[in-house]
Amino acid sequence: MTWLRSQRTRWVPVLAWGVFVGLPFLLVLLIVQNLLRWSDASTQATVGAQQIAQIEARLRSGEASAPAAQTDGESIYLAASHASLAAAELQRRLVNLVEQSGGHLLTVKADEAGTSLANSLVLQVTFESRQAALLDLLAAAEASIPFLAVETLSLQQSDRRKEEAGDVDPTLRVVMAVRAYQREPSP
């Protein structure tokens, strides 16, 4: 019986050590881990707030510098009267918009599924652009005469140029369908 009792009491100091030292140590580790997570979340929130402030400032400056266009009702249409000439004019305008924004044009093609509206045509443009330059391109397309409507916009981070994890202006692969209208042919 004394041998059994001595075996039981032999583990008491080990258990006491584990309870009184081990549990507080685990508690401290959990607290440190949560503090690190909160710090990372705070840093990400700060970076997000800075990005939003930059975008808002660019929008405000773009609104102030945008020319006030006077339209007579006819200037909202593409100048070409034939569908193929209108498609070429729209393609030229889209290529210019992408190049002016600093993007890298990949493809331009007619979107046959999107031409269901009479006297309109849709082109699909695929290009790579920085996030900030894409905002400039969309603002220029919205403010352009003749009227251009972005039908669809698909963004994906580019595989061609892998950015660092902390990059605030990544390169995006953009697939955008743009609709423009042409005048009704005169009889």
N, C-alpha and C. Protein backbone atom coordinates (compact mmCIF):
# COMPACT_ATOMS: atom_id res chain seq x y z
N MET A 1 0.80 -1.18 0.00
CA MET A 1 0.00 0.00 0.00
C MET A 1 0.86 1.26 0.00
N THR A 2 1.94 1.23 0.69
CA THR A 2 2.82 2.40 0.71
C THR A 2 3.47 2.61 -0.65
N TRP A 3 3.75 1.51 -1.30
CA TRP A 3 4.34 1.66 -2.65
C TRP A 3 3.34 2.33 -3.60
N LEU A 4 2.07 1.91 -3.55
CA LEU A 4 1.03 2.49 -4.39
C LEU A 4 0.81 3.96 -4.04
N ARG A 5 0.83 4.25 -2.73
CA ARG A 5 0.66 5.63 -2.30
C ARG A 5 1.85 6.48 -2.75
N SER A 6 3.03 5.94 -2.70
CA SER A 6 4.20 6.70 -3.13
C SER A 6 4.16 6.93 -4.65
N GLN A 7 3.59 6.00 -5.41
CA GLN A 7 3.46 6.18 -6.85
C GLN A 7 2.47 7.30 -7.17
N ARG A 8 1.38 7.37 -6.43
CA ARG A 8 0.38 8.42 -6.64
C ARG A 8 0.94 9.79 -6.27
N THR A 9 1.63 9.86 -5.17
CA THR A 9 2.16 11.15 -4.73
C THR A 9 3.33 11.60 -5.57
N ARG A 10 3.95 10.70 -6.29
CA ARG A 10 5.06 11.08 -7.17
C ARG A 10 4.58 11.97 -8.31
N TRP A 11 3.36 11.83 -8.77
CA TRP A 11 2.82 12.62 -9.89
C TRP A 11 2.21 13.94 -9.45
N VAL A 12 1.98 14.10 -8.17
CA VAL A 12 1.36 15.33 -7.68
C VAL A 12 2.22 16.56 -7.98
N PRO A 13 3.52 16.54 -7.74
CA PRO A 13 4.30 17.74 -8.06
C PRO A 13 4.33 18.04 -9.56
N VAL A 14 4.34 17.01 -10.39
CA VAL A 14 4.34 17.23 -11.83
C VAL A 14 3.02 17.85 -12.27
N LEU A 15 1.91 17.34 -11.74
CA LEU A 15 0.61 17.91 -12.08
C LEU A 15 0.47 19.34 -11.56
N ALA A 16 0.95 19.57 -10.36
CA ALA A 16 0.89 20.92 -9.81
C ALA A 16 1.71 21.88 -10.67
N TRP A 17 2.88 21.46 -11.08
CA TRP A 17 3.73 22.28 -11.95
C TRP A 17 3.00 22.58 -13.27
N GLY A 18 2.38 21.56 -13.84
CA GLY A 18 1.66 21.75 -15.10
C GLY A 18 0.49 22.69 -14.96
N VAL A 19 -0.25 22.58 -13.85
CA VAL A 19 -1.43 23.42 -13.65
C VAL A 19 -1.03 24.85 -13.32
N PHE A 20 -0.09 25.04 -12.43
CA PHE A 20 0.23 26.39 -11.96
C PHE A 20 1.20 27.15 -12.86
N VAL A 21 1.96 26.45 -13.69
CA VAL A 21 2.90 27.13 -14.59
C VAL A 21 2.45 26.98 -16.04
N GLY A 22 2.02 25.79 -16.42
CA GLY A 22 1.67 25.53 -17.81
C GLY A 22 0.43 26.26 -18.27
N LEU A 23 -0.62 26.26 -17.49
CA LEU A 23 -1.86 26.94 -17.88
C LEU A 23 -1.67 28.46 -18.00
N PRO A 24 -1.03 29.13 -17.07
CA PRO A 24 -0.79 30.57 -17.28
C PRO A 24 0.09 30.84 -18.51
N PHE A 25 1.06 29.97 -18.78
CA PHE A 25 1.90 30.13 -19.96
C PHE A 25 1.05 30.03 -21.24
N LEU A 26 0.14 29.05 -21.29
CA LEU A 26 -0.76 28.93 -22.44
C LEU A 26 -1.67 30.14 -22.57
N LEU A 27 -2.13 30.67 -21.44
CA LEU A 27 -2.98 31.85 -21.46
C LEU A 27 -2.21 33.06 -22.02
N VAL A 28 -0.98 33.22 -21.62
CA VAL A 28 -0.15 34.32 -22.14
C VAL A 28 0.06 34.15 -23.64
N LEU A 29 0.30 32.94 -24.11
CA LEU A 29 0.49 32.70 -25.54
C LEU A 29 -0.77 33.07 -26.33
N LEU A 30 -1.94 32.71 -25.82
CA LEU A 30 -3.19 33.06 -26.49
C LEU A 30 -3.41 34.57 -26.54
N ILE A 31 -3.07 35.24 -25.45
CA ILE A 31 -3.22 36.70 -25.42
C ILE A 31 -2.29 37.35 -26.44
N VAL A 32 -1.06 36.91 -26.51
CA VAL A 32 -0.11 37.47 -27.48
C VAL A 32 -0.58 37.20 -28.90
N GLN A 33 -1.08 36.02 -29.17
CA GLN A 33 -1.58 35.69 -30.50
C GLN A 33 -2.75 36.61 -30.88
N ASN A 34 -3.68 36.84 -29.98
CA ASN A 34 -4.81 37.73 -30.27
C ASN A 34 -4.36 39.17 -30.46
N LEU A 35 -3.38 39.62 -29.68
CA LEU A 35 -2.86 40.97 -29.86
C LEU A 35 -2.22 41.14 -31.23
N LEU A 36 -1.51 40.13 -31.70
CA LEU A 36 -0.90 40.19 -33.04
C LEU A 36 -1.97 40.24 -34.12
N ARG A 37 -3.02 39.46 -33.96
CA ARG A 37 -4.13 39.49 -34.93
C ARG A 37 -4.79 40.87 -34.96
N TRP A 38 -5.03 41.44 -33.79
CA TRP A 38 -5.65 42.76 -33.73
C TRP A 38 -4.75 43.81 -34.37
N SER A 39 -3.46 43.69 -34.15
CA SER A 39 -2.52 44.63 -34.75
C SER A 39 -2.55 44.53 -36.28
N ASP A 40 -2.57 43.30 -36.82
CA ASP A 40 -2.65 43.11 -38.27
C ASP A 40 -3.96 43.67 -38.82
N ALA A 41 -5.05 43.44 -38.14
CA ALA A 41 -6.35 43.96 -38.60
C ALA A 41 -6.35 45.48 -38.58
N SER A 42 -5.74 46.08 -37.57
CA SER A 42 -5.65 47.54 -37.49
C SER A 42 -4.81 48.09 -38.63
N THR A 43 -3.72 47.43 -38.96
CA THR A 43 -2.86 47.86 -40.06
C THR A 43 -3.61 47.76 -41.39
N GLN A 44 -4.32 46.68 -41.60
CA GLN A 44 -5.09 46.52 -42.83
C GLN A 44 -6.20 47.57 -42.93
N ALA A 45 -6.83 47.89 -41.82
CA ALA A 45 -7.88 48.92 -41.83
C ALA A 45 -7.28 50.28 -42.16
N THR A 46 -6.10 50.57 -41.65
CA THR A 46 -5.44 51.84 -41.94
C THR A 46 -5.08 51.94 -43.41
N VAL A 47 -4.54 50.86 -43.97
CA VAL A 47 -4.19 50.84 -45.40
C VAL A 47 -5.45 51.02 -46.24
N GLY A 48 -6.53 50.35 -45.89
CA GLY A 48 -7.79 50.50 -46.61
C GLY A 48 -8.32 51.93 -46.54
N ALA A 49 -8.23 52.55 -45.40
CA ALA A 49 -8.68 53.93 -45.25
C ALA A 49 -7.83 54.87 -46.10
N GLN A 50 -6.53 54.62 -46.18
CA GLN A 50 -5.65 55.45 -47.02
C GLN A 50 -6.01 55.28 -48.49
N GLN A 51 -6.29 54.06 -48.92
CA GLN A 51 -6.68 53.83 -50.31
C GLN A 51 -7.98 54.55 -50.63
N ILE A 52 -8.94 54.49 -49.73
CA ILE A 52 -10.22 55.16 -49.96
C ILE A 52 -10.01 56.67 -50.04
N ALA A 53 -9.17 57.21 -49.17
CA ALA A 53 -8.90 58.66 -49.20
C ALA A 53 -8.24 59.06 -50.51
N GLN A 54 -7.31 58.23 -51.02
CA GLN A 54 -6.65 58.53 -52.30
C GLN A 54 -7.66 58.51 -53.44
N ILE A 55 -8.53 57.53 -53.45
CA ILE A 55 -9.53 57.41 -54.51
C ILE A 55 -10.50 58.59 -54.45
N GLU A 56 -10.95 58.94 -53.26
CA GLU A 56 -11.86 60.08 -53.12
C GLU A 56 -11.20 61.37 -53.58
N ALA A 57 -9.92 61.55 -53.26
CA ALA A 57 -9.21 62.75 -53.69
C ALA A 57 -9.08 62.79 -55.21
N ARG A 58 -8.81 61.63 -55.82
CA ARG A 58 -8.69 61.58 -57.27
C ARG A 58 -10.04 61.84 -57.93
N LEU A 59 -11.11 61.34 -57.32
CA LEU A 59 -12.44 61.60 -57.87
C LEU A 59 -12.79 63.09 -57.78
N ARG A 60 -12.48 63.69 -56.64
CA ARG A 60 -12.77 65.12 -56.49
C ARG A 60 -11.96 65.95 -57.48
N SER A 61 -10.71 65.61 -57.67
CA SER A 61 -9.89 66.37 -58.62
C SER A 61 -10.34 66.11 -60.06
N GLY A 62 -10.82 64.91 -60.34
CA GLY A 62 -11.33 64.60 -61.68
C GLY A 62 -12.62 65.34 -61.96
N GLU A 63 -13.48 65.50 -60.95
CA GLU A 63 -14.72 66.24 -61.13
C GLU A 63 -14.44 67.71 -61.40
N ALA A 64 -13.42 68.24 -60.73
CA ALA A 64 -13.10 69.66 -60.90
C ALA A 64 -12.49 69.92 -62.27
N SER A 65 -11.75 68.95 -62.81
CA SER A 65 -11.06 69.19 -64.08
C SER A 65 -11.84 68.67 -65.29
N ALA A 66 -12.95 68.00 -65.06
CA ALA A 66 -13.72 67.47 -66.18
C ALA A 66 -14.38 68.61 -66.95
N PRO A 67 -14.25 68.62 -68.26
CA PRO A 67 -14.86 69.70 -69.02
C PRO A 67 -16.38 69.53 -69.06
N ALA A 68 -17.06 70.63 -69.03
CA ALA A 68 -18.51 70.61 -69.12
C ALA A 68 -18.88 70.52 -70.59
N ALA A 69 -19.32 69.37 -71.00
CA ALA A 69 -19.61 69.14 -72.41
C ALA A 69 -21.03 69.57 -72.73
N GLN A 70 -21.16 70.32 -73.78
CA GLN A 70 -22.48 70.71 -74.27
C GLN A 70 -22.85 69.73 -75.38
N THR A 71 -23.97 69.08 -75.23
CA THR A 71 -24.39 68.11 -76.24
C THR A 71 -25.62 68.63 -76.96
N ASP A 72 -25.64 68.35 -78.24
CA ASP A 72 -26.79 68.78 -79.03
C ASP A 72 -27.76 67.63 -79.27
N GLY A 73 -27.54 66.50 -78.64
CA GLY A 73 -28.43 65.36 -78.83
C GLY A 73 -27.89 64.38 -79.85
N GLU A 74 -27.18 64.85 -80.84
CA GLU A 74 -26.62 63.97 -81.87
C GLU A 74 -25.20 63.54 -81.53
N SER A 75 -24.51 64.31 -80.69
CA SER A 75 -23.12 63.99 -80.40
C SER A 75 -22.97 62.79 -79.46
N ILE A 76 -24.07 62.30 -78.92
CA ILE A 76 -23.97 61.12 -78.05
C ILE A 76 -23.84 59.84 -78.86
N TYR A 77 -24.05 59.91 -80.17
CA TYR A 77 -23.95 58.75 -81.05
C TYR A 77 -22.59 58.71 -81.72
N LEU A 78 -22.20 57.51 -82.13
CA LEU A 78 -20.99 57.37 -82.95
C LEU A 78 -21.23 58.08 -84.28
N ALA A 79 -20.19 58.65 -84.84
CA ALA A 79 -20.33 59.46 -86.06
C ALA A 79 -20.62 58.59 -87.28
N ALA A 80 -20.11 57.36 -87.31
CA ALA A 80 -20.29 56.50 -88.48
C ALA A 80 -21.72 56.03 -88.61
N SER A 81 -22.19 55.95 -89.84
CA SER A 81 -23.57 55.53 -90.06
C SER A 81 -23.68 54.04 -90.36
N HIS A 82 -22.62 53.42 -90.83
CA HIS A 82 -22.63 51.99 -91.13
C HIS A 82 -22.10 51.21 -89.92
N ALA A 83 -22.63 50.02 -89.68
CA ALA A 83 -22.30 49.24 -88.49
C ALA A 83 -20.81 48.91 -88.40
N SER A 84 -20.19 48.52 -89.51
CA SER A 84 -18.77 48.15 -89.46
C SER A 84 -17.89 49.37 -89.21
N LEU A 85 -18.26 50.53 -89.76
CA LEU A 85 -17.51 51.76 -89.50
C LEU A 85 -17.70 52.21 -88.05
N ALA A 86 -18.90 52.04 -87.52
CA ALA A 86 -19.16 52.39 -86.13
C ALA A 86 -18.36 51.48 -85.19
N ALA A 87 -18.26 50.20 -85.54
CA ALA A 87 -17.47 49.26 -84.72
C ALA A 87 -16.00 49.66 -84.74
N ALA A 88 -15.50 50.07 -85.92
CA ALA A 88 -14.11 50.51 -86.01
C ALA A 88 -13.87 51.77 -85.20
N GLU A 89 -14.83 52.70 -85.24
CA GLU A 89 -14.71 53.94 -84.45
C GLU A 89 -14.71 53.62 -82.96
N LEU A 90 -15.61 52.74 -82.54
CA LEU A 90 -15.66 52.35 -81.13
C LEU A 90 -14.37 51.66 -80.71
N GLN A 91 -13.86 50.79 -81.57
CA GLN A 91 -12.60 50.10 -81.27
C GLN A 91 -11.47 51.11 -81.10
N ARG A 92 -11.39 52.09 -81.98
CA ARG A 92 -10.34 53.12 -81.90
C ARG A 92 -10.46 53.90 -80.59
N ARG A 93 -11.69 54.24 -80.20
CA ARG A 93 -11.90 54.99 -78.96
C ARG A 93 -11.49 54.16 -77.74
N LEU A 94 -11.84 52.87 -77.74
CA LEU A 94 -11.48 52.02 -76.60
C LEU A 94 -9.97 51.80 -76.51
N VAL A 95 -9.33 51.61 -77.66
CA VAL A 95 -7.88 51.44 -77.67
C VAL A 95 -7.22 52.71 -77.13
N ASN A 96 -7.70 53.88 -77.54
CA ASN A 96 -7.14 55.14 -77.04
C ASN A 96 -7.34 55.28 -75.54
N LEU A 97 -8.52 54.91 -75.05
CA LEU A 97 -8.78 55.00 -73.61
C LEU A 97 -7.81 54.11 -72.82
N VAL A 98 -7.61 52.89 -73.31
CA VAL A 98 -6.71 51.95 -72.60
C VAL A 98 -5.28 52.48 -72.64
N GLU A 99 -4.83 52.95 -73.79
CA GLU A 99 -3.45 53.45 -73.90
C GLU A 99 -3.25 54.72 -73.07
N GLN A 100 -4.22 55.61 -73.05
CA GLN A 100 -4.09 56.84 -72.26
C GLN A 100 -4.05 56.57 -70.77
N SER A 101 -4.69 55.50 -70.34
CA SER A 101 -4.68 55.17 -68.91
C SER A 101 -3.43 54.39 -68.52
N GLY A 102 -2.59 54.04 -69.49
CA GLY A 102 -1.38 53.31 -69.18
C GLY A 102 -1.57 51.80 -69.16
N GLY A 103 -2.68 51.32 -69.68
CA GLY A 103 -2.96 49.89 -69.70
C GLY A 103 -2.26 49.19 -70.85
N HIS A 104 -2.22 47.88 -70.78
CA HIS A 104 -1.62 47.04 -71.82
C HIS A 104 -2.75 46.27 -72.50
N LEU A 105 -3.08 46.65 -73.72
CA LEU A 105 -4.20 46.05 -74.45
C LEU A 105 -3.86 44.63 -74.87
N LEU A 106 -4.79 43.70 -74.64
CA LEU A 106 -4.60 42.31 -75.05
C LEU A 106 -5.48 41.96 -76.23
N THR A 107 -6.79 42.16 -76.13
CA THR A 107 -7.69 41.84 -77.24
C THR A 107 -8.86 42.83 -77.28
N VAL A 108 -9.40 42.98 -78.48
CA VAL A 108 -10.65 43.71 -78.70
C VAL A 108 -11.46 42.87 -79.67
N LYS A 109 -12.69 42.55 -79.29
CA LYS A 109 -13.53 41.75 -80.19
C LYS A 109 -14.98 42.16 -80.05
N ALA A 110 -15.73 41.90 -81.10
CA ALA A 110 -17.17 42.20 -81.08
C ALA A 110 -17.87 41.19 -80.19
N ASP A 111 -18.80 41.67 -79.40
CA ASP A 111 -19.60 40.82 -78.52
C ASP A 111 -20.96 40.64 -79.18
N GLU A 112 -21.13 39.54 -79.88
CA GLU A 112 -22.36 39.30 -80.64
C GLU A 112 -23.56 39.13 -79.72
N ALA A 113 -23.36 38.59 -78.53
CA ALA A 113 -24.47 38.36 -77.61
C ALA A 113 -25.03 39.67 -77.06
N GLY A 114 -24.23 40.72 -77.02
CA GLY A 114 -24.68 41.97 -76.43
C GLY A 114 -25.30 42.95 -77.40
N THR A 115 -25.47 42.58 -78.67
CA THR A 115 -25.98 43.53 -79.66
C THR A 115 -27.48 43.35 -79.88
N SER A 116 -28.22 43.04 -78.84
CA SER A 116 -29.66 42.82 -79.00
C SER A 116 -30.44 44.13 -79.15
N LEU A 117 -29.89 45.23 -78.70
CA LEU A 117 -30.57 46.52 -78.84
C LEU A 117 -30.34 47.09 -80.23
N ALA A 118 -31.38 47.69 -80.79
CA ALA A 118 -31.28 48.26 -82.13
C ALA A 118 -30.32 49.45 -82.11
N ASN A 119 -29.56 49.60 -83.16
CA ASN A 119 -28.63 50.71 -83.35
C ASN A 119 -27.57 50.81 -82.26
N SER A 120 -27.21 49.69 -81.69
CA SER A 120 -26.12 49.69 -80.71
C SER A 120 -25.16 48.56 -81.05
N LEU A 121 -23.95 48.69 -80.58
CA LEU A 121 -22.98 47.63 -80.75
C LEU A 121 -22.16 47.52 -79.48
N VAL A 122 -21.66 46.31 -79.25
CA VAL A 122 -20.91 46.03 -78.04
C VAL A 122 -19.56 45.44 -78.43
N LEU A 123 -18.49 45.99 -77.86
CA LEU A 123 -17.16 45.44 -78.04
C LEU A 123 -16.65 44.98 -76.68
N GLN A 124 -15.94 43.86 -76.70
CA GLN A 124 -15.33 43.34 -75.48
C GLN A 124 -13.83 43.61 -75.54
N VAL A 125 -13.31 44.28 -74.53
CA VAL A 125 -11.90 44.66 -74.47
C VAL A 125 -11.26 43.91 -73.31
N THR A 126 -10.10 43.31 -73.58
CA THR A 126 -9.33 42.65 -72.53
C THR A 126 -7.99 43.36 -72.44
N PHE A 127 -7.64 43.80 -71.24
CA PHE A 127 -6.37 44.50 -71.06
C PHE A 127 -5.88 44.33 -69.64
N GLU A 128 -4.61 44.70 -69.42
CA GLU A 128 -4.04 44.70 -68.09
C GLU A 128 -3.80 46.14 -67.69
N SER A 129 -4.11 46.43 -66.43
CA SER A 129 -4.00 47.81 -65.95
C SER A 129 -3.76 47.79 -64.46
N ARG A 130 -3.14 48.85 -63.98
CA ARG A 130 -3.02 49.03 -62.54
C ARG A 130 -4.39 49.47 -62.01
N GLN A 131 -4.64 49.21 -60.76
CA GLN A 131 -5.93 49.51 -60.17
C GLN A 131 -6.24 51.00 -60.25
N ALA A 132 -5.28 51.84 -59.96
CA ALA A 132 -5.52 53.29 -59.98
C ALA A 132 -5.79 53.77 -61.41
N ALA A 133 -5.07 53.21 -62.39
CA ALA A 133 -5.27 53.62 -63.78
C ALA A 133 -6.63 53.16 -64.29
N LEU A 134 -7.14 52.04 -63.78
CA LEU A 134 -8.45 51.56 -64.18
C LEU A 134 -9.53 52.56 -63.76
N LEU A 135 -9.38 53.16 -62.61
CA LEU A 135 -10.33 54.17 -62.16
C LEU A 135 -10.34 55.36 -63.14
N ASP A 136 -9.16 55.78 -63.59
CA ASP A 136 -9.08 56.86 -64.58
C ASP A 136 -9.76 56.47 -65.88
N LEU A 137 -9.55 55.24 -66.32
CA LEU A 137 -10.15 54.77 -67.57
C LEU A 137 -11.67 54.76 -67.47
N LEU A 138 -12.20 54.26 -66.37
CA LEU A 138 -13.66 54.22 -66.21
C LEU A 138 -14.26 55.62 -66.14
N ALA A 139 -13.56 56.54 -65.48
CA ALA A 139 -14.05 57.92 -65.42
C ALA A 139 -14.02 58.56 -66.80
N ALA A 140 -12.97 58.29 -67.58
CA ALA A 140 -12.87 58.84 -68.94
C ALA A 140 -13.95 58.24 -69.84
N ALA A 141 -14.22 56.96 -69.69
CA ALA A 141 -15.26 56.32 -70.51
C ALA A 141 -16.63 56.88 -70.16
N GLU A 142 -16.87 57.12 -68.89
CA GLU A 142 -18.17 57.65 -68.46
C GLU A 142 -18.38 59.08 -68.95
N ALA A 143 -17.31 59.85 -68.99
CA ALA A 143 -17.43 61.26 -69.38
C ALA A 143 -17.28 61.48 -70.88
N SER A 144 -17.07 60.42 -71.63
CA SER A 144 -16.77 60.58 -73.05
C SER A 144 -18.01 60.91 -73.88
N ILE A 145 -17.75 61.60 -74.95
CA ILE A 145 -18.76 61.87 -75.98
C ILE A 145 -18.17 61.28 -77.25
N PRO A 146 -18.79 60.39 -77.92
CA PRO A 146 -20.13 59.85 -77.77
C PRO A 146 -20.26 58.98 -76.53
N PHE A 147 -21.51 58.76 -76.16
CA PHE A 147 -21.85 58.02 -74.95
C PHE A 147 -21.35 56.58 -75.03
N LEU A 148 -20.60 56.14 -74.00
CA LEU A 148 -20.15 54.76 -73.87
C LEU A 148 -20.70 54.21 -72.56
N ALA A 149 -21.29 53.03 -72.62
CA ALA A 149 -21.83 52.39 -71.42
C ALA A 149 -21.07 51.10 -71.15
N VAL A 150 -20.55 50.97 -69.96
CA VAL A 150 -19.86 49.74 -69.58
C VAL A 150 -20.93 48.73 -69.19
N GLU A 151 -21.07 47.69 -70.02
CA GLU A 151 -22.10 46.66 -69.78
C GLU A 151 -21.64 45.67 -68.72
N THR A 152 -20.44 45.14 -68.88
CA THR A 152 -19.91 44.19 -67.90
C THR A 152 -18.46 44.54 -67.61
N LEU A 153 -18.04 44.21 -66.41
CA LEU A 153 -16.67 44.47 -65.99
C LEU A 153 -16.23 43.31 -65.12
N SER A 154 -15.16 42.65 -65.54
CA SER A 154 -14.63 41.51 -64.79
C SER A 154 -13.18 41.80 -64.47
N LEU A 155 -12.82 41.71 -63.19
CA LEU A 155 -11.46 42.00 -62.74
C LEU A 155 -10.84 40.76 -62.13
N GLN A 156 -9.56 40.57 -62.42
CA GLN A 156 -8.84 39.44 -61.86
C GLN A 156 -7.39 39.87 -61.72
N GLN A 157 -6.75 39.50 -60.61
CA GLN A 157 -5.35 39.86 -60.45
C GLN A 157 -4.53 39.14 -61.51
N SER A 158 -3.66 39.87 -62.15
CA SER A 158 -2.90 39.35 -63.28
C SER A 158 -1.91 38.29 -62.83
N ASP A 159 -1.84 37.18 -63.59
CA ASP A 159 -0.87 36.13 -63.30
C ASP A 159 0.49 36.47 -63.89
N ARG A 160 0.51 37.35 -64.89
CA ARG A 160 1.73 37.68 -65.59
C ARG A 160 2.73 38.39 -64.68
N ARG A 161 2.23 39.25 -63.83
CA ARG A 161 3.10 40.01 -62.93
C ARG A 161 2.60 39.80 -61.50
N LYS A 162 3.25 38.92 -60.79
CA LYS A 162 2.86 38.68 -59.40
C LYS A 162 3.43 39.79 -58.53
N GLU A 163 2.55 40.52 -57.89
CA GLU A 163 2.97 41.62 -57.03
C GLU A 163 3.26 41.09 -55.64
N GLU A 164 3.95 41.91 -54.90
CA GLU A 164 4.22 41.59 -53.51
C GLU A 164 2.91 41.69 -52.72
N ALA A 165 2.87 41.04 -51.59
CA ALA A 165 1.64 41.01 -50.80
C ALA A 165 1.23 42.40 -50.32
N GLY A 166 2.18 43.31 -50.12
CA GLY A 166 1.86 44.63 -49.62
C GLY A 166 1.60 45.65 -50.70
N ASP A 167 1.53 45.25 -51.97
CA ASP A 167 1.32 46.19 -53.06
C ASP A 167 -0.10 46.76 -52.98
N VAL A 168 -0.21 48.09 -52.92
CA VAL A 168 -1.52 48.72 -52.80
C VAL A 168 -2.13 49.03 -54.15
N ASP A 169 -1.40 48.83 -55.23
CA ASP A 169 -1.92 49.10 -56.58
C ASP A 169 -1.56 47.93 -57.49
N PRO A 170 -2.27 46.81 -57.37
CA PRO A 170 -1.90 45.62 -58.13
C PRO A 170 -2.26 45.74 -59.61
N THR A 171 -1.61 44.92 -60.42
CA THR A 171 -1.95 44.84 -61.84
C THR A 171 -3.14 43.89 -61.98
N LEU A 172 -4.14 44.35 -62.71
CA LEU A 172 -5.37 43.58 -62.88
C LEU A 172 -5.57 43.21 -64.34
N ARG A 173 -6.13 42.05 -64.58
CA ARG A 173 -6.59 41.69 -65.92
C ARG A 173 -8.06 42.06 -65.97
N VAL A 174 -8.40 42.92 -66.92
CA VAL A 174 -9.74 43.48 -67.00
C VAL A 174 -10.40 43.00 -68.28
N VAL A 175 -11.61 42.47 -68.16
CA VAL A 175 -12.44 42.14 -69.31
C VAL A 175 -13.67 43.02 -69.20
N MET A 176 -13.85 43.88 -70.20
CA MET A 176 -14.90 44.89 -70.13
C MET A 176 -15.68 44.90 -71.43
N ALA A 177 -17.00 44.84 -71.33
CA ALA A 177 -17.86 44.96 -72.50
C ALA A 177 -18.44 46.37 -72.50
N VAL A 178 -18.26 47.08 -73.62
CA VAL A 178 -18.69 48.47 -73.72
C VAL A 178 -19.71 48.60 -74.84
N ARG A 179 -20.82 49.27 -74.54
CA ARG A 179 -21.87 49.49 -75.54
C ARG A 179 -21.83 50.95 -75.99
N ALA A 180 -21.98 51.13 -77.30
CA ALA A 180 -22.11 52.48 -77.88
C ALA A 180 -23.28 52.44 -78.86
N TYR A 181 -23.80 53.61 -79.15
CA TYR A 181 -24.98 53.71 -80.01
C TYR A 181 -24.63 54.49 -81.27
N GLN A 182 -25.26 54.11 -82.36
CA GLN A 182 -25.09 54.83 -83.61
C GLN A 182 -26.44 55.41 -84.03
N ARG A 183 -26.36 56.43 -84.84
CA ARG A 183 -27.60 57.07 -85.29
C ARG A 183 -28.41 56.09 -86.13
N GLU A 184 -29.70 56.31 -86.11
CA GLU A 184 -30.54 55.49 -86.99
C GLU A 184 -30.24 55.91 -88.42
N PRO A 185 -30.12 54.93 -89.30
CA PRO A 185 -29.83 55.31 -90.69
C PRO A 185 -30.96 56.14 -91.27
N SER A 186 -30.58 57.20 -91.97
CA SER A 186 -31.60 58.07 -92.56
C SER A 186 -32.14 57.42 -93.83
N PRO A 187 -33.45 57.52 -94.06
CA PRO A 187 -34.06 56.85 -95.22
C PRO A 187 -33.69 57.50 -96.53
